[in-house]
Protein backbone atom coordinates (compact mmCIF):
# COMPACT_ATOMS: atom_id res chain seq x y z
CA MET A 1 171.29 28.11 -64.65
CA GLU A 2 167.90 27.70 -64.42
CA VAL A 3 165.70 26.10 -61.49
CA VAL A 4 165.51 22.04 -61.92
CA VAL A 5 162.78 19.59 -60.30
CA LYS A 6 162.67 15.75 -60.53
CA LYS A 7 159.47 14.32 -59.11
CA GLN A 8 160.18 11.60 -57.21
CA LEU A 9 163.63 11.06 -57.71
CA PHE A 10 164.28 9.13 -54.71
CA SER A 11 162.26 6.74 -52.26
CA THR A 12 163.99 6.78 -48.77
CA ARG A 13 166.34 9.12 -46.68
CA GLU A 14 168.99 6.50 -47.76
CA GLU A 15 168.59 7.06 -51.58
CA ALA A 16 168.33 11.10 -51.25
CA LEU A 17 171.92 10.89 -49.07
CA ASN A 18 173.58 8.66 -51.83
CA HIS A 19 172.38 10.50 -54.58
CA ALA A 20 174.23 13.60 -52.85
CA ASN A 21 177.19 12.02 -51.69
CA GLY A 22 177.03 10.88 -55.54
CA LEU A 23 177.68 14.44 -56.63
CA GLY A 24 180.50 14.89 -53.76
CA LEU A 25 177.72 17.34 -51.91
CA TRP A 26 178.10 18.42 -48.11
CA PRO A 27 174.00 17.08 -47.07
CA ILE A 28 172.29 18.62 -43.37
CA SER A 29 169.04 17.61 -42.54
CA GLN A 30 166.35 20.00 -41.54
CA ILE A 31 162.66 19.92 -40.36
CA LEU A 32 160.81 22.99 -41.13
CA GLU A 33 157.82 23.47 -39.51
CA GLU A 34 154.10 23.55 -40.98
CA GLY A 35 153.47 27.31 -41.62
CA ILE A 36 156.84 28.31 -41.47
CA ASN A 37 157.33 31.04 -44.12
CA GLU A 38 160.74 32.21 -45.75
CA GLU A 39 161.78 35.65 -46.24
CA ILE A 40 162.96 36.29 -50.28
CA HIS A 41 166.56 35.42 -50.53
CA TRP A 42 169.44 34.31 -52.17
CA HIS A 43 172.13 32.14 -51.66
CA SER A 44 176.08 32.70 -53.32
CA TRP A 45 175.82 28.96 -53.61
CA ASP A 46 173.93 26.06 -55.79
CA THR A 47 171.68 24.35 -53.06
CA HIS A 48 170.24 21.02 -53.79
CA ILE A 49 166.74 20.04 -51.98
CA TYR A 50 165.31 16.76 -51.10
CA VAL A 51 162.09 16.28 -49.57
CA ILE A 52 162.19 13.57 -47.39
CA SER A 53 158.76 14.19 -46.01
CA GLY A 54 156.13 16.53 -45.92
CA GLU A 55 155.32 19.33 -48.48
CA TYR A 56 157.26 22.33 -49.51
CA GLN A 57 156.07 25.36 -51.62
CA SER A 58 159.41 27.22 -53.01
CA ILE A 59 157.91 30.68 -54.60
CA ASN A 60 159.96 32.83 -57.20
CA PRO A 61 159.14 36.28 -56.39
CA VAL A 62 159.98 37.83 -59.64
CA THR A 63 156.78 35.44 -61.41
CA ASN A 64 154.85 34.43 -58.60
CA GLN A 65 155.20 30.75 -59.65
CA ILE A 66 154.77 28.48 -56.92
CA THR A 67 156.54 24.81 -57.14
CA SER A 68 155.39 22.45 -55.00
CA LEU A 69 157.74 19.75 -53.60
CA TYR A 70 156.17 16.36 -51.98
CA LYS A 71 157.97 13.15 -50.01
CA GLY A 72 160.78 12.46 -53.27
CA ASP A 73 161.03 15.45 -54.67
CA TYR A 74 164.48 17.17 -55.75
CA MET A 75 165.35 20.70 -56.23
CA LEU A 76 168.29 22.55 -58.08
CA MET A 77 168.21 25.98 -56.68
CA PRO A 78 170.82 27.84 -58.60
CA ALA A 79 172.99 30.63 -56.83
CA ARG A 80 171.94 34.11 -56.75
CA GLU A 81 168.45 32.66 -57.63
CA LEU A 82 165.62 34.64 -55.86
CA HIS A 83 163.00 32.56 -53.75
CA SER A 84 160.75 32.53 -50.89
CA GLY A 85 159.29 29.20 -49.40
CA VAL A 86 156.84 27.87 -47.07
CA SER A 87 156.38 24.61 -44.96
CA ILE A 88 153.11 23.81 -46.04
CA LYS A 89 152.86 20.12 -43.76
CA ASN A 90 155.73 19.58 -41.16
CA THR A 91 158.35 18.99 -44.10
CA ALA A 92 162.07 17.01 -43.29
CA VAL A 93 164.46 18.05 -45.81
CA ILE A 94 168.08 17.09 -46.59
CA TYR A 95 169.68 20.41 -48.21
CA ALA A 96 173.31 19.66 -49.90
CA THR A 97 175.71 22.19 -50.74
CA LYS A 98 179.47 21.84 -52.39
CA ASP A 99 180.52 23.36 -49.04
CA PRO A 100 179.78 23.22 -45.78
CA ILE A 101 177.08 26.12 -45.46
CA ASN A 102 175.46 27.34 -42.00
CA PHE A 103 171.48 27.82 -43.53
CA SER A 104 170.22 29.36 -40.54
CA LYS A 105 171.73 32.48 -42.00
CA PRO A 106 170.44 33.07 -45.59
CA PHE A 107 171.56 36.01 -47.50
CA ASN A 108 168.72 38.21 -48.00
CA LEU A 109 168.86 41.37 -50.08
CA SER A 110 167.82 44.64 -48.39
CA PRO A 111 165.11 46.13 -49.63
CA ASP A 112 166.49 49.04 -52.12
CA GLU A 113 168.30 45.56 -53.31
CA LEU A 114 165.17 43.87 -53.83
CA SER A 115 163.20 46.80 -55.10
CA ASN A 116 165.57 46.70 -58.25
CA VAL A 117 165.39 42.63 -58.77
CA ILE A 118 161.96 42.45 -58.69
CA ALA A 119 160.90 45.90 -59.81
């Protein structure tokens, strides 16, 4: 599966929640403070990302492609996809997954695993 981006998929938080609920997902809200950088990591689950406000950049560390997401944008990050990100402005997001997940601890690769994937 590839990363999917849909620009302006929704207009309100309620529409984003309705979309997630319609897919049978478990949504959680999170505030990403401006300038916060995520380290390169992956998850064993698909993650649906809804940007409620602000600006977020998702970065593919293999290709160095940057995808900018703004209010109303949606991204599906497939399981096992290496990625990192940065909050350009204080950003409110909804993450939604098939099962309840603790997003405070992403699955990070060890340096050896990471060098094998990016090399």
